[in-house]
């Protein structure tokens, strides 16, 4: 409301000043811009521009209040380093369904119940798509594979994957790549015990996953686990890409 009143007051002030003399084309343009801005604020008082209202969610208290034209962008940007804390508080305030709006991205409905997840991913799967915005943000790292595909394209990838990942293959993975990576992990722990040094388990588990991933997908030996605690070229590049893709989803700018 404060934005609306300020816009109207500024518009009237300019109107009085410009009424005293003949207006120039630039002044007309300024007035038109202010008029459009005030009209936009009135139309989008608490949600991002170009998003549709959801009175049904608002009536249920699920619509997280935002600012005119930018919606919940400031909340997303200010909590980008701790998004789970932000979501935890939002779920406490609004329940297990939250609706937020962000410029360019539009409206997002965030869910916090397993039965809702089952409905989307299993019960009524064909009713939901990842969409163009999701693909635009993640194609650089995920390509056009199953993680960003929809409908027939997704079914093609799903059918291909189902023919590859058989019980026989899983058994060979456990006896092969996974067993080898687990042995490397044991070697790392033995070294730490012998030298009486602490072990960063999260870092080691990440490198364990990276080694197994390299063997399964590329047939390459990254040996990230057995290397010294220096940089790992592929791992660092992969971390950068995932962080950049995640940042795109949180920040439309």
Protein backbone atom coordinates (compact mmCIF):
# COMPACT_ATOMS: atom_id res chain seq x y z
CA UNK A 1 0.00 0.00 0.00
CA UNK A 2 2.86 2.37 0.79
CA UNK A 3 4.27 1.86 -2.73
CA UNK A 4 0.86 2.63 -4.25
CA UNK A 5 0.39 5.82 -2.24
CA UNK A 6 3.92 7.00 -3.02
CA UNK A 7 3.40 6.39 -6.74
CA UNK A 8 0.08 8.23 -6.78
CA UNK A 9 1.56 11.16 -4.83
CA UNK A 10 4.52 11.44 -7.21
CA UNK A 11 2.21 11.30 -10.22
CA UNK A 12 0.02 14.11 -8.86
CA UNK A 13 3.05 16.24 -8.00
CA UNK A 14 4.38 15.95 -11.54
CA UNK A 15 0.93 16.65 -12.90
CA UNK A 16 0.71 19.94 -11.01
CA UNK A 17 4.20 20.98 -12.06
CA UNK A 18 3.65 20.18 -15.72
CA UNK A 19 0.22 21.81 -15.87
CA UNK A 20 1.84 25.26 -15.66
CA UNK A 21 3.40 25.06 -19.10
CA UNK A 22 3.39 23.14 -22.35
CA UNK A 23 4.75 19.64 -21.99
CA UNK A 24 7.61 18.21 -24.02
CA UNK A 25 7.62 14.68 -25.49
CA UNK A 26 10.09 13.62 -22.77
CA UNK A 27 7.71 14.82 -20.06
CA UNK A 28 4.86 12.89 -21.65
CA UNK A 29 7.07 9.81 -21.69
CA UNK A 30 7.91 10.29 -18.01
CA UNK A 31 4.24 10.63 -17.11
CA UNK A 32 3.37 7.54 -19.14
CA UNK A 33 6.14 5.56 -17.46
CA UNK A 34 4.99 6.61 -14.00
CA UNK A 35 1.41 5.77 -14.91
CA UNK A 36 2.40 2.30 -16.11
CA UNK A 37 4.49 1.76 -12.98
CA UNK A 38 1.62 2.75 -10.66
CA UNK A 39 -0.81 0.58 -12.63
CA UNK A 40 1.57 -2.37 -12.39
CA UNK A 41 1.91 -1.93 -8.61
CA UNK A 42 -1.88 -1.85 -8.27
CA UNK A 43 -2.23 -5.00 -10.39
CA UNK A 44 0.64 -6.86 -8.69
CA UNK A 45 0.57 -5.57 -5.08
CA UNK A 46 2.19 -8.64 -3.47
CA UNK A 47 3.37 -10.88 -6.27
CA UNK A 48 5.87 -10.90 -9.14
CA UNK A 49 4.95 -9.14 -12.35
CA UNK A 50 3.21 -11.24 -15.05
CA UNK A 51 2.09 -13.87 -12.52
CA UNK A 52 -1.55 -14.84 -12.10
CA UNK A 53 -3.35 -14.45 -8.76
CA UNK A 54 -4.24 -17.56 -6.78
CA UNK A 55 -7.13 -16.61 -4.49
CA UNK A 56 -7.64 -20.27 -3.63
CA UNK A 57 -4.16 -20.53 -2.11
CA UNK A 58 -4.49 -17.13 -0.47
CA UNK A 59 -7.76 -18.14 1.19
CA UNK A 60 -6.02 -21.18 2.67
CA UNK A 61 -3.10 -19.08 3.93
CA UNK A 62 -0.67 -20.82 1.56
CA UNK A 63 0.33 -17.73 -0.42
CA UNK A 64 3.56 -16.37 1.08
CA UNK A 65 3.27 -12.55 0.98
CA UNK A 66 5.72 -10.77 -1.28
CA UNK A 67 6.54 -7.29 -2.56
CA UNK A 68 4.96 -5.47 -5.52
CA UNK A 69 6.37 -6.56 -8.89
CA UNK A 70 9.22 -8.65 -7.42
CA UNK A 71 7.20 -11.03 -5.26
CA UNK A 72 9.39 -13.18 -3.03
CA UNK A 73 12.65 -12.43 -4.85
CA UNK A 74 14.23 -10.66 -1.86
CA UNK A 75 13.46 -13.66 0.41
CA UNK A 76 15.07 -16.06 -2.07
CA UNK A 77 18.17 -13.93 -2.57
CA UNK A 78 18.70 -13.15 1.12
CA UNK A 79 18.39 -16.85 2.03
CA UNK A 80 20.31 -18.34 -0.90
CA UNK A 81 23.10 -19.51 1.43
CA UNK A 82 20.63 -21.31 3.72
CA UNK A 83 17.56 -22.23 1.63
CA UNK A 84 16.54 -25.09 3.93
CA UNK A 85 16.30 -22.73 6.91
CA UNK A 86 14.09 -20.42 4.86
CA UNK A 87 11.83 -23.28 3.77
CA UNK A 88 11.62 -24.65 7.31
CA UNK A 89 10.38 -21.31 8.61
CA UNK A 90 8.02 -20.86 5.67
CA UNK A 91 6.48 -24.29 6.26
CA UNK A 92 6.02 -23.41 9.92
CA UNK A 93 4.24 -20.18 8.95
CA UNK A 94 2.11 -21.44 6.06
CA UNK A 95 1.81 -25.22 6.43
CA UNK A 96 2.96 -27.99 4.08
CA UNK A 97 2.07 -26.12 0.87
CA UNK A 98 3.68 -22.77 0.06
CA UNK A 99 3.18 -20.57 -2.99
CA UNK A 100 5.84 -18.01 -3.90
CA UNK A 101 6.37 -15.83 -6.96
CA UNK A 102 9.65 -14.77 -8.58
CA UNK A 103 10.15 -12.50 -11.62
CA UNK A 104 10.82 -14.41 -14.86
CA UNK A 105 10.38 -17.79 -13.12
CA UNK A 106 6.73 -17.13 -12.26
CA UNK A 107 4.89 -18.94 -9.48
CA UNK A 108 6.37 -21.90 -7.62
CA UNK A 109 4.38 -24.17 -5.31
CA UNK A 110 6.59 -25.90 -2.75
CA UNK A 111 5.37 -29.08 -1.07
CA UNK A 112 6.41 -30.77 2.17
CA UNK A 113 4.38 -33.99 2.38
CA UNK A 114 5.40 -37.42 1.01
CA UNK A 115 1.88 -38.17 -0.26
CA UNK A 116 2.05 -35.04 -2.42
CA UNK A 117 5.35 -36.25 -3.86
CA UNK A 118 3.79 -39.64 -4.61
CA UNK A 119 0.87 -37.96 -6.37
CA UNK A 120 3.19 -35.95 -8.64
CA UNK A 121 5.86 -38.56 -9.36
CA UNK A 122 3.64 -41.66 -9.49
CA UNK A 123 -0.13 -41.37 -9.17
CA UNK A 124 -0.69 -38.55 -11.68
CA UNK A 125 2.75 -38.28 -13.25
CA UNK A 126 1.52 -37.35 -16.75
CA UNK A 127 -0.15 -34.22 -15.39
CA UNK A 128 3.15 -32.54 -14.45
CA UNK A 129 6.17 -31.42 -16.48
CA UNK A 130 9.57 -30.01 -15.59
CA UNK A 131 9.03 -27.26 -18.13
CA UNK A 132 11.13 -24.99 -20.32
CA UNK A 133 12.49 -22.86 -17.47
CA UNK A 134 13.83 -25.93 -15.65
CA UNK A 135 15.48 -27.20 -18.85
CA UNK A 136 16.93 -23.77 -19.63
CA UNK A 137 18.61 -23.65 -16.24
CA UNK A 138 19.97 -27.20 -16.15
CA UNK A 139 20.65 -28.22 -19.77
CA UNK A 140 24.26 -27.00 -19.56
CA UNK A 141 25.04 -29.69 -17.00
CA UNK A 142 22.38 -32.35 -17.66
CA UNK A 143 22.02 -32.06 -21.44
CA UNK A 144 18.71 -33.36 -22.80
CA UNK A 145 18.71 -36.51 -20.68
CA UNK A 146 16.07 -38.06 -18.48
CA UNK A 147 16.49 -35.52 -15.67
CA UNK A 148 15.23 -32.62 -17.80
CA UNK A 149 13.02 -34.46 -20.31
CA UNK A 150 9.21 -34.51 -20.37
CA UNK A 151 6.51 -36.82 -21.72
CA UNK A 152 7.54 -38.83 -24.82
CA UNK A 153 11.16 -37.78 -24.59
CA UNK A 154 11.19 -38.84 -20.93
CA UNK A 155 9.55 -42.19 -21.78
CA UNK A 156 12.23 -42.83 -24.39
CA UNK A 157 15.01 -42.27 -21.85
CA UNK A 158 13.14 -44.26 -19.18
CA UNK A 159 12.69 -47.24 -21.50
CA UNK A 160 16.35 -47.13 -22.49
CA UNK A 161 17.47 -47.00 -18.87
CA UNK A 162 15.15 -49.83 -17.81
CA UNK A 163 16.77 -52.09 -20.40
CA UNK A 164 20.24 -51.24 -19.11
CA UNK A 165 19.87 -51.42 -15.33
CA UNK A 166 19.13 -55.07 -14.79
CA UNK A 167 19.69 -57.30 -11.76
CA UNK A 168 22.71 -58.80 -13.47
CA UNK A 169 24.20 -55.35 -14.02
CA UNK A 170 23.65 -54.32 -10.40
CA UNK A 171 25.41 -57.46 -9.25
CA UNK A 172 28.36 -56.75 -11.51
CA UNK A 173 28.52 -53.16 -10.21
CA UNK A 174 28.61 -54.28 -6.60
CA UNK A 175 31.29 -56.85 -7.36
CA UNK A 176 33.25 -54.46 -9.60
CA UNK A 177 33.29 -50.66 -9.39
CA UNK A 178 31.64 -50.37 -5.98
CA UNK A 179 33.87 -53.03 -4.45
CA UNK A 180 37.00 -51.38 -5.83
CA UNK A 181 35.95 -47.94 -4.53
CA UNK A 182 35.13 -49.40 -1.13
CA UNK A 183 38.61 -50.93 -0.96
CA UNK A 184 40.12 -47.53 -1.77
CA UNK A 185 38.02 -46.01 1.01
CA UNK A 186 39.32 -48.62 3.46
CA UNK A 187 42.88 -47.73 2.42
CA UNK A 188 42.21 -44.06 3.17
CA UNK A 189 40.87 -44.92 6.64
CA UNK A 190 43.88 -47.18 7.32
CA UNK A 191 46.23 -44.32 6.43
CA UNK A 192 44.38 -41.98 8.77
CA UNK A 193 44.52 -44.50 11.61
CA UNK A 194 48.25 -45.08 11.08
CA UNK A 195 49.00 -41.35 11.12
CA UNK A 196 46.50 -40.60 13.90
CA UNK A 197 44.81 -37.86 11.85
CA UNK A 198 41.13 -36.85 11.74
CA UNK A 199 39.11 -37.74 8.64
CA UNK A 200 36.62 -35.47 6.90
CA UNK A 201 34.02 -38.14 6.15
CA UNK A 202 31.83 -35.90 4.00
CA UNK A 203 34.78 -35.11 1.74
CA UNK A 204 35.76 -38.78 1.52
CA UNK A 205 32.21 -39.91 0.78
CA UNK A 206 32.00 -37.35 -2.02
CA UNK A 207 35.24 -38.63 -3.50
CA UNK A 208 34.03 -42.21 -3.09
CA UNK A 209 30.92 -41.34 -5.09
CA UNK A 210 33.00 -39.52 -7.69
CA UNK A 211 35.29 -42.51 -8.20
CA UNK A 212 32.36 -44.92 -8.58
CA UNK A 213 30.62 -42.46 -10.93
CA UNK A 214 33.71 -42.19 -13.15
CA UNK A 215 34.04 -45.96 -13.45
CA UNK A 216 30.36 -46.50 -14.22
CA UNK A 217 29.78 -43.70 -16.69
CA UNK A 218 33.11 -43.11 -18.42
CA UNK A 219 35.20 -46.15 -17.55
CA UNK A 220 37.80 -43.79 -16.08
CA UNK A 221 39.84 -44.06 -12.90
CA UNK A 222 39.65 -40.66 -11.17
CA UNK A 223 41.37 -42.01 -8.05
CA UNK A 224 40.07 -39.03 -6.11
CA UNK A 225 40.04 -41.02 -2.86
CA UNK A 226 43.66 -42.09 -3.03
CA UNK A 227 45.01 -38.72 -4.13
CA UNK A 228 46.34 -36.20 -1.67
CA UNK A 229 44.02 -33.52 -0.31
CA UNK A 230 44.66 -31.29 -3.30
CA UNK A 231 42.30 -30.20 -6.09
CA UNK A 232 40.60 -32.78 -8.28
CA UNK A 233 40.12 -31.34 -11.76
CA UNK A 234 36.96 -33.22 -12.70
CA UNK A 235 35.45 -33.06 -9.22
CA UNK A 236 36.07 -29.33 -8.90
CA UNK A 237 34.57 -28.67 -12.35
CA UNK A 238 31.53 -30.79 -11.51
CA UNK A 239 31.04 -28.97 -8.19
CA UNK A 240 31.26 -25.62 -9.98
CA UNK A 241 28.66 -26.64 -12.56
CA UNK A 242 26.19 -27.94 -9.99
CA UNK A 243 26.63 -24.81 -7.86
CA UNK A 244 26.12 -22.55 -10.88
CA UNK A 245 23.01 -24.47 -11.94
CA UNK A 246 21.62 -24.30 -8.42
CA UNK A 247 22.29 -20.55 -8.29
CA UNK A 248 20.37 -20.08 -11.55
CA UNK A 249 17.30 -21.67 -10.01
CA UNK A 250 17.46 -19.33 -7.01
CA UNK A 251 18.37 -16.13 -8.83
CA UNK A 252 16.65 -15.16 -12.12
CA UNK A 253 19.10 -12.25 -12.51
